[in-house]
Amino acid sequence: MPRSERHDPAGEDSRQEDSRREDSRTCALSRRPMAKEAMIRFVAAPDRTVVPDIRARLPGRGVWIEATREAVAAAARGKTFARGLKAGVKVSATLADDVEALLRRDALQALALANKAGAVVTGFGKVEALAAAEGKAVIAALIHAREAAPDGRRKLAQALRRGHNERSDAVPVIDCFEGSHLDLALGRTHVIHAALVAGSGSDGFMTRWHRLARYSTTGFSTPPSEASAAAETGSEEPERGGKPDDEAIMGQE
């Protein structure tokens, strides 16, 4: 066998180790190594203000912090950024909030791309039909506007259980976005309920949403069974001005 074709286990292990090191960073706050996807990079702007670099693309020296609100807030209170950036820097008192706003905007941009890829279904009737369609397209997530009524949530949770059976509890329910933000991302009006179809078209949004959910830790994912139980005592109520979203977007889909 030619030398170039010989298998080199030691060399392969070394390459894998190098790859793992490239994909990880050390949190400047906890000093623990973590995957880059679980962290947020910060840099100093020209005016020495610390700014989040959530895409990890900005030039200059960076400091990596675990991607949780608690970690970012703790780093902002101390001297973590000054030590990591090796310079006197200014840290905004709203840095933790600023990071969440950027992560939220990033997720909505990814949702817009998923919609362009045909991976988003909107309108209560269409979402219910997709959720209940056993053996059809697998739903990656249910999306409700924050102001969605309990009755609509309950009905969609029931449809999901009918169509996805034992998989239904594994489907996340996303309700961290205002309806107006969903309107802008999806290019429609009066979006109350939507479904994300699993596949390459929705992967980008799910990755960014999971990052946002980990950062904020609460209020971002409710298993359908819990949503249904919470809504059992709720009465049907108007959603966003009292119009069903199917009527509001009639003729636009």
Protein backbone atom coordinates (compact mmCIF):
# COMPACT_ATOMS: atom_id res chain seq x y z
CA MET A 1 0.00 0.00 0.00
CA PRO A 2 1.43 3.43 -0.91
CA ARG A 3 2.56 5.47 2.06
CA SER A 4 -0.05 8.16 1.35
CA GLU A 5 -2.88 5.61 1.64
CA ARG A 6 -1.84 4.12 4.98
CA HIS A 7 -4.20 4.69 7.86
CA ASP A 8 -2.62 6.67 10.69
CA PRO A 9 -4.79 6.36 13.85
CA ALA A 10 -2.48 8.64 15.83
CA GLY A 11 -2.65 11.34 13.19
CA GLU A 12 -6.43 11.09 12.97
CA ASP A 13 -6.81 11.40 16.74
CA SER A 14 -4.56 14.44 16.66
CA ARG A 15 -6.64 16.09 13.95
CA GLN A 16 -9.84 15.42 15.90
CA GLU A 17 -8.31 16.93 19.03
CA ASP A 18 -7.21 20.01 17.07
CA SER A 19 -10.74 20.35 15.69
CA ARG A 20 -12.24 20.16 19.19
CA ARG A 21 -9.88 22.87 20.39
CA GLU A 22 -10.81 25.11 17.45
CA ASP A 23 -14.52 24.66 18.24
CA SER A 24 -14.16 25.54 21.93
CA ARG A 25 -13.18 28.60 23.94
CA THR A 26 -12.57 29.34 27.60
CA CYS A 27 -15.20 31.39 29.40
CA ALA A 28 -13.47 34.48 30.80
CA LEU A 29 -15.81 34.43 33.81
CA SER A 30 -15.80 30.79 34.92
CA ARG A 31 -12.51 29.79 33.23
CA ARG A 32 -14.23 26.65 31.91
CA PRO A 33 -13.72 25.51 28.31
CA MET A 34 -17.00 25.33 26.34
CA ALA A 35 -18.20 24.90 22.79
CA LYS A 36 -18.28 28.18 20.88
CA GLU A 37 -21.99 27.66 20.22
CA ALA A 38 -22.62 27.87 23.98
CA MET A 39 -20.81 31.18 24.35
CA ILE A 40 -20.96 34.80 23.24
CA ARG A 41 -17.98 36.80 22.06
CA PHE A 42 -17.48 40.41 23.13
CA VAL A 43 -15.12 43.02 21.69
CA ALA A 44 -14.22 46.62 22.44
CA ALA A 45 -15.62 49.21 20.05
CA PRO A 46 -13.41 52.13 18.96
CA ASP A 47 -14.82 54.19 21.84
CA ARG A 48 -13.80 51.34 24.24
CA THR A 49 -17.40 50.31 24.87
CA VAL A 50 -17.88 46.56 25.24
CA VAL A 51 -20.19 45.26 22.51
CA PRO A 52 -21.55 41.74 21.91
CA ASP A 53 -20.40 40.00 18.74
CA ILE A 54 -23.04 37.28 18.50
CA ARG A 55 -21.88 36.14 15.05
CA ALA A 56 -18.22 36.10 16.19
CA ARG A 57 -17.09 38.04 13.13
CA LEU A 58 -15.90 41.41 14.43
CA PRO A 59 -12.17 42.12 14.25
CA GLY A 60 -9.90 42.58 17.22
CA ARG A 61 -9.30 40.86 20.51
CA GLY A 62 -12.36 39.07 21.87
CA VAL A 63 -13.60 37.83 25.22
CA TRP A 64 -15.87 34.79 25.41
CA ILE A 65 -18.58 34.46 28.05
CA GLU A 66 -21.03 31.63 28.63
CA ALA A 67 -24.24 32.45 26.75
CA THR A 68 -26.54 32.93 29.74
CA ARG A 69 -28.04 36.11 31.11
CA GLU A 70 -26.59 35.37 34.55
CA ALA A 71 -23.04 34.96 33.23
CA VAL A 72 -23.15 38.11 31.10
CA ALA A 73 -24.61 40.16 33.97
CA ALA A 74 -21.95 38.85 36.36
CA ALA A 75 -19.16 39.66 33.89
CA ALA A 76 -20.56 43.16 33.40
CA ARG A 77 -20.55 43.81 37.17
CA GLY A 78 -16.91 42.84 37.65
CA LYS A 79 -13.64 43.38 35.83
CA THR A 80 -13.90 40.36 33.55
CA PHE A 81 -14.00 42.38 30.34
CA ALA A 82 -11.16 44.70 31.33
CA ARG A 83 -8.94 41.72 32.17
CA GLY A 84 -9.84 39.78 29.04
CA LEU A 85 -9.52 42.71 26.66
CA LYS A 86 -6.43 43.97 28.49
CA ALA A 87 -7.68 47.54 28.36
CA GLY A 88 -9.83 50.00 30.20
CA VAL A 89 -13.32 49.52 28.82
CA LYS A 90 -16.81 50.86 29.39
CA VAL A 91 -19.53 48.32 30.15
CA SER A 92 -23.16 49.31 29.72
CA ALA A 93 -25.48 48.65 32.64
CA THR A 94 -27.93 47.17 30.10
CA LEU A 95 -25.43 44.76 28.48
CA ALA A 96 -27.38 41.63 29.45
CA ASP A 97 -30.57 43.12 27.99
CA ASP A 98 -28.71 44.24 24.87
CA VAL A 99 -27.46 40.71 24.25
CA GLU A 100 -30.97 39.28 24.56
CA ALA A 101 -32.32 41.87 22.11
CA LEU A 102 -29.63 40.92 19.59
CA LEU A 103 -30.27 37.19 20.00
CA ARG A 104 -33.99 37.78 19.59
CA ARG A 105 -33.46 39.79 16.41
CA ASP A 106 -31.07 37.13 15.09
CA ALA A 107 -33.70 34.43 15.68
CA LEU A 108 -36.39 36.44 13.90
CA GLN A 109 -34.08 36.98 10.93
CA ALA A 110 -33.54 33.21 10.78
CA LEU A 111 -37.31 32.70 10.95
CA ALA A 112 -37.68 35.00 7.93
CA LEU A 113 -35.16 32.88 6.04
CA ALA A 114 -37.00 29.68 7.02
CA ASN A 115 -40.19 31.23 5.70
CA LYS A 116 -38.53 32.02 2.36
CA ALA A 117 -37.38 28.39 2.23
CA GLY A 118 -41.01 27.26 2.57
CA ALA A 119 -40.51 25.78 6.04
CA VAL A 120 -43.15 27.89 7.84
CA VAL A 121 -46.91 27.35 7.81
CA THR A 122 -49.21 30.07 9.19
CA GLY A 123 -52.91 30.39 9.95
CA PHE A 124 -54.75 28.38 12.60
CA GLY A 125 -56.51 26.04 10.17
CA LYS A 126 -53.38 25.18 8.23
CA VAL A 127 -51.28 24.71 11.36
CA GLU A 128 -53.96 22.48 12.90
CA ALA A 129 -54.18 20.35 9.75
CA LEU A 130 -50.40 19.94 9.60
CA ALA A 131 -50.17 19.09 13.29
CA ALA A 132 -52.88 16.45 13.01
CA ALA A 133 -51.59 14.91 9.77
CA GLU A 134 -50.19 11.60 10.98
CA GLY A 135 -47.28 10.36 8.93
CA LYS A 136 -46.92 13.62 7.01
CA ALA A 137 -44.30 16.32 7.44
CA VAL A 138 -42.76 16.34 10.91
CA ILE A 139 -43.23 19.57 12.84
CA ALA A 140 -40.03 20.97 14.30
CA ALA A 141 -41.85 23.49 16.52
CA LEU A 142 -45.18 25.19 17.15
CA ILE A 143 -45.01 28.96 17.31
CA HIS A 144 -47.58 31.08 19.14
CA ALA A 145 -47.61 34.85 19.45
CA ARG A 146 -47.29 35.88 23.07
CA GLU A 147 -50.84 37.16 23.05
CA ALA A 148 -52.31 33.95 21.60
CA ALA A 149 -55.44 32.84 23.46
CA PRO A 150 -55.33 29.71 25.65
CA ASP A 151 -58.09 28.02 23.65
CA GLY A 152 -56.13 28.18 20.40
CA ARG A 153 -53.02 26.83 22.12
CA ARG A 154 -55.02 23.98 23.61
CA LYS A 155 -56.59 22.98 20.29
CA LEU A 156 -53.25 22.92 18.51
CA ALA A 157 -51.69 20.87 21.32
CA GLN A 158 -54.51 18.35 20.91
CA ALA A 159 -54.00 18.22 17.14
CA LEU A 160 -50.29 17.68 17.65
CA ARG A 161 -50.94 14.74 19.93
CA ARG A 162 -53.30 13.22 17.37
CA GLY A 163 -50.81 13.50 14.53
CA HIS A 164 -47.48 12.98 16.24
CA ASN A 165 -48.52 10.62 19.03
CA GLU A 166 -45.53 9.77 21.21
CA ARG A 167 -43.39 12.44 19.50
CA SER A 168 -45.69 15.30 20.46
CA ASP A 169 -44.10 15.97 23.84
CA ALA A 170 -40.73 16.43 22.13
CA VAL A 171 -42.01 19.25 19.90
CA PRO A 172 -41.14 22.61 21.45
CA VAL A 173 -43.73 25.34 21.75
CA ILE A 174 -42.25 28.76 21.09
CA ASP A 175 -44.12 31.74 22.49
CA CYS A 176 -41.42 34.33 23.16
CA PHE A 177 -42.22 36.63 20.24
CA GLU A 178 -44.83 39.35 19.99
CA GLY A 179 -47.32 38.95 17.17
CA SER A 180 -46.12 42.17 15.56
CA HIS A 181 -42.58 40.73 15.39
CA LEU A 182 -43.89 37.55 13.76
CA ASP A 183 -45.79 39.72 11.27
CA LEU A 184 -42.57 41.45 10.22
CA ALA A 185 -40.50 38.28 10.06
CA LEU A 186 -43.06 36.35 8.03
CA GLY A 187 -44.26 39.22 5.85
CA ARG A 188 -47.90 38.71 6.84
CA THR A 189 -50.45 40.44 9.02
CA HIS A 190 -52.04 39.18 12.21
CA VAL A 191 -49.88 36.07 12.68
CA ILE A 192 -51.02 34.25 15.81
CA HIS A 193 -50.04 30.62 15.18
CA ALA A 194 -47.39 29.08 12.96
CA ALA A 195 -45.66 25.73 12.53
CA LEU A 196 -42.08 25.06 11.53
CA VAL A 197 -41.55 22.04 9.29
CA ALA A 198 -38.50 19.97 10.24
CA GLY A 199 -35.68 19.95 7.70
CA SER A 200 -32.77 21.96 6.41
CA GLY A 201 -34.98 25.01 5.84
CA SER A 202 -35.79 25.31 9.54
CA ASP A 203 -32.48 24.21 11.08
CA GLY A 204 -31.01 27.71 11.18
CA PHE A 205 -33.94 29.15 13.10
CA MET A 206 -34.03 26.25 15.56
CA THR A 207 -30.32 26.68 16.30
CA ARG A 208 -30.76 30.40 16.96
CA TRP A 209 -33.94 29.91 18.97
CA HIS A 210 -32.26 27.32 21.20
CA ARG A 211 -29.46 29.81 21.79
CA LEU A 212 -31.97 32.51 22.75
CA ALA A 213 -33.84 30.07 25.01
CA ARG A 214 -30.66 29.00 26.80
CA TYR A 215 -29.70 32.63 27.32
CA SER A 216 -32.97 33.65 28.91
CA THR A 217 -33.69 30.26 30.59
CA THR A 218 -37.42 30.88 31.16
CA GLY A 219 -40.58 31.37 29.16
CA PHE A 220 -39.36 30.09 25.81
CA SER A 221 -40.34 26.44 25.50
CA THR A 222 -43.46 24.73 26.81
CA PRO A 223 -44.14 21.07 26.04
CA PRO A 224 -47.54 20.75 24.33
CA SER A 225 -48.91 18.58 27.14
CA GLU A 226 -48.21 21.32 29.68
CA ALA A 227 -49.69 23.99 27.42
CA SER A 228 -52.84 21.92 27.08
CA ALA A 229 -53.16 21.34 30.82
CA ALA A 230 -52.67 25.03 31.54
CA ALA A 231 -55.37 25.95 29.07
CA GLU A 232 -58.00 23.43 30.17
CA THR A 233 -59.69 26.00 32.39
CA GLY A 234 -59.29 28.86 29.94
CA SER A 235 -62.24 30.08 27.92
CA GLU A 236 -62.09 30.93 24.27
CA GLU A 237 -61.22 34.57 23.84
CA PRO A 238 -60.50 36.91 20.92
CA GLU A 239 -56.91 36.91 19.70
CA ARG A 240 -55.31 40.25 18.83
CA GLY A 241 -58.35 42.36 18.23
CA GLY A 242 -60.83 39.50 18.07
CA LYS A 243 -60.11 38.35 14.50
CA PRO A 244 -59.13 34.76 13.77
CA ASP A 245 -55.78 34.84 12.02
CA ASP A 246 -57.12 32.80 9.08
CA GLU A 247 -59.58 35.61 8.32
CA ALA A 248 -56.99 38.30 8.76
CA ILE A 249 -54.66 36.77 6.19
CA MET A 250 -57.32 35.48 3.80
CA GLY A 251 -56.17 35.97 0.25
CA GLN A 252 -52.55 36.55 1.26
CA GLU A 253 -51.36 32.96 1.42
